[in-house]
Amino acid sequence: MAWDSTRTVNWGRLTREWVVYAVVMAAVFLIFLQDNVSAGSVAGLAASFPMYLIFGGALAKMGYQRKTLSDLRRQTPVRSPRASRKASSSGDTPNATSSRTRPAPTSRTSTGPTQHRSNKRKKR
């Protein structure tokens, strides 16, 4: 993907994502790292905002766009309630079918120790 100056950058989304990150990291600082929080760690958190915007804006100009949760929901196939109840009550996975037959044995599958005798063994 090449740089395209006409591509738009969703600055609001980038800012919202960073704010969520900053809130989570501030909670981690306050809850888990109470004794080790310094001015440097807070300054580093603040300095991550412009860096996130620069990298996110550059990626957006090159055509990268992460999928939103609503995009992912649209791509997920909708299962009917009946199918999900049937799968959970029978214990089968939704993709398993009862008409599937067992594959034929191959040289790599064993049918038991008495089925195939090795010709390499010496008979006494």
Protein backbone atom coordinates (compact mmCIF):
# COMPACT_ATOMS: atom_id res chain seq x y z
CA MET A 1 0.00 0.00 0.00
CA ALA A 2 1.32 3.38 -0.92
CA TRP A 3 0.91 6.70 0.81
CA ASP A 4 -2.17 8.56 -0.40
CA SER A 5 -2.59 12.09 0.90
CA THR A 6 -6.28 12.10 -0.10
CA ARG A 7 -7.17 9.30 2.35
CA THR A 8 -8.95 10.53 5.43
CA VAL A 9 -7.79 9.84 8.96
CA ASN A 10 -10.39 9.25 11.64
CA TRP A 11 -8.72 11.35 14.33
CA GLY A 12 -11.69 10.99 16.67
CA ARG A 13 -11.40 7.22 16.65
CA LEU A 14 -7.64 7.35 17.21
CA THR A 15 -8.11 9.74 20.13
CA ARG A 16 -10.87 7.59 21.65
CA GLU A 17 -8.71 4.47 21.40
CA TRP A 18 -5.80 6.21 23.10
CA VAL A 19 -8.05 7.55 25.87
CA VAL A 20 -9.24 4.00 26.59
CA TYR A 21 -5.61 2.87 26.69
CA ALA A 22 -4.64 5.75 29.00
CA VAL A 23 -7.51 5.02 31.41
CA VAL A 24 -6.56 1.34 31.60
CA MET A 25 -2.90 2.16 32.14
CA ALA A 26 -3.75 4.77 34.80
CA ALA A 27 -5.81 2.12 36.59
CA VAL A 28 -2.86 -0.29 36.39
CA PHE A 29 -0.60 2.42 37.81
CA LEU A 30 -2.98 3.13 40.68
CA ILE A 31 -3.94 -0.44 41.53
CA PHE A 32 -0.87 -2.57 40.89
CA LEU A 33 2.09 -0.19 40.77
CA GLN A 34 1.22 2.30 43.52
CA ASP A 35 4.71 2.37 45.00
CA ASN A 36 6.59 2.47 41.71
CA VAL A 37 4.70 5.23 39.89
CA SER A 38 6.98 8.15 39.12
CA ALA A 39 6.75 11.33 37.13
CA GLY A 40 8.59 9.55 34.33
CA SER A 41 5.95 6.87 33.96
CA VAL A 42 3.17 9.47 33.85
CA ALA A 43 5.19 11.53 31.34
CA GLY A 44 5.71 8.40 29.26
CA LEU A 45 1.98 7.75 29.23
CA ALA A 46 1.35 11.35 28.14
CA ALA A 47 4.08 11.14 25.49
CA SER A 48 2.46 8.06 24.01
CA PHE A 49 -0.51 10.17 22.80
CA PRO A 50 1.26 12.10 20.03
CA MET A 51 3.24 9.01 19.03
CA TYR A 52 0.01 6.98 18.75
CA LEU A 53 -1.58 9.72 16.63
CA ILE A 54 1.47 9.97 14.33
CA PHE A 55 1.74 6.21 13.76
CA GLY A 56 -2.03 5.75 13.46
CA GLY A 57 -2.31 8.66 11.03
CA ALA A 58 0.56 7.36 8.90
CA LEU A 59 -0.99 3.89 8.76
CA ALA A 60 -4.36 5.38 7.81
CA LYS A 61 -2.74 7.37 5.00
CA MET A 62 -1.23 4.12 3.72
CA GLY A 63 -4.66 2.48 3.67
CA TYR A 64 -4.68 0.50 6.90
CA GLN A 65 -8.01 0.52 8.66
CA ARG A 66 -8.71 -1.77 11.57
CA LYS A 67 -12.13 -3.37 11.69
CA THR A 68 -14.60 -2.08 14.23
CA LEU A 69 -16.63 -4.36 16.47
CA SER A 70 -19.71 -3.74 14.34
CA ASP A 71 -17.76 -4.81 11.22
CA LEU A 72 -16.73 -8.02 12.96
CA ARG A 73 -20.32 -8.67 14.07
CA ARG A 74 -21.55 -8.25 10.51
CA GLN A 75 -19.05 -10.84 9.27
CA THR A 76 -19.94 -13.43 11.92
CA PRO A 77 -22.59 -15.85 10.64
CA VAL A 78 -25.80 -15.68 12.61
CA ARG A 79 -26.74 -18.94 14.29
CA SER A 80 -30.38 -19.65 14.92
CA PRO A 81 -31.39 -20.26 18.54
CA ARG A 82 -32.62 -23.73 17.58
CA ALA A 83 -29.23 -24.73 16.16
CA SER A 84 -27.38 -23.47 19.22
CA ARG A 85 -29.77 -25.33 21.58
CA LYS A 86 -29.43 -28.52 19.57
CA ALA A 87 -25.63 -28.33 19.58
CA SER A 88 -25.44 -27.63 23.31
CA SER A 89 -27.89 -30.38 24.27
CA SER A 90 -26.33 -33.11 22.16
CA GLY A 91 -22.76 -32.20 23.15
CA ASP A 92 -21.64 -32.07 19.51
CA THR A 93 -19.95 -29.19 17.89
CA PRO A 94 -22.11 -27.27 15.41
CA ASN A 95 -19.91 -28.37 12.48
CA ALA A 96 -19.92 -32.08 13.32
CA THR A 97 -22.33 -34.19 11.31
CA SER A 98 -23.56 -37.66 12.11
CA SER A 99 -23.23 -38.84 8.49
CA ARG A 100 -19.44 -38.56 8.50
CA THR A 101 -17.77 -41.92 8.01
CA ARG A 102 -14.49 -43.09 9.41
CA PRO A 103 -11.57 -42.64 6.99
CA ALA A 104 -9.88 -45.70 5.53
CA PRO A 105 -6.78 -46.91 7.38
CA THR A 106 -3.43 -45.87 5.96
CA SER A 107 0.13 -46.97 6.55
CA ARG A 108 0.45 -44.27 9.21
CA THR A 109 -2.60 -45.34 11.20
CA SER A 110 -2.53 -48.37 13.42
CA THR A 111 -5.28 -50.95 13.55
CA GLY A 112 -3.73 -52.71 16.50
CA PRO A 113 -0.54 -54.58 17.35
CA THR A 114 -1.70 -57.96 16.00
CA GLN A 115 -2.87 -56.73 12.62
CA HIS A 116 0.45 -55.97 10.95
CA ARG A 117 3.49 -58.12 11.56
CA SER A 118 6.79 -56.68 10.62
CA ASN A 119 8.70 -58.67 8.01
CA LYS A 120 11.95 -57.41 9.49
CA ARG A 121 11.63 -59.55 12.60
CA LYS A 122 13.42 -62.85 12.57
CA LYS A 123 11.27 -65.86 13.20
CA ARG A 124 12.75 -68.29 15.70
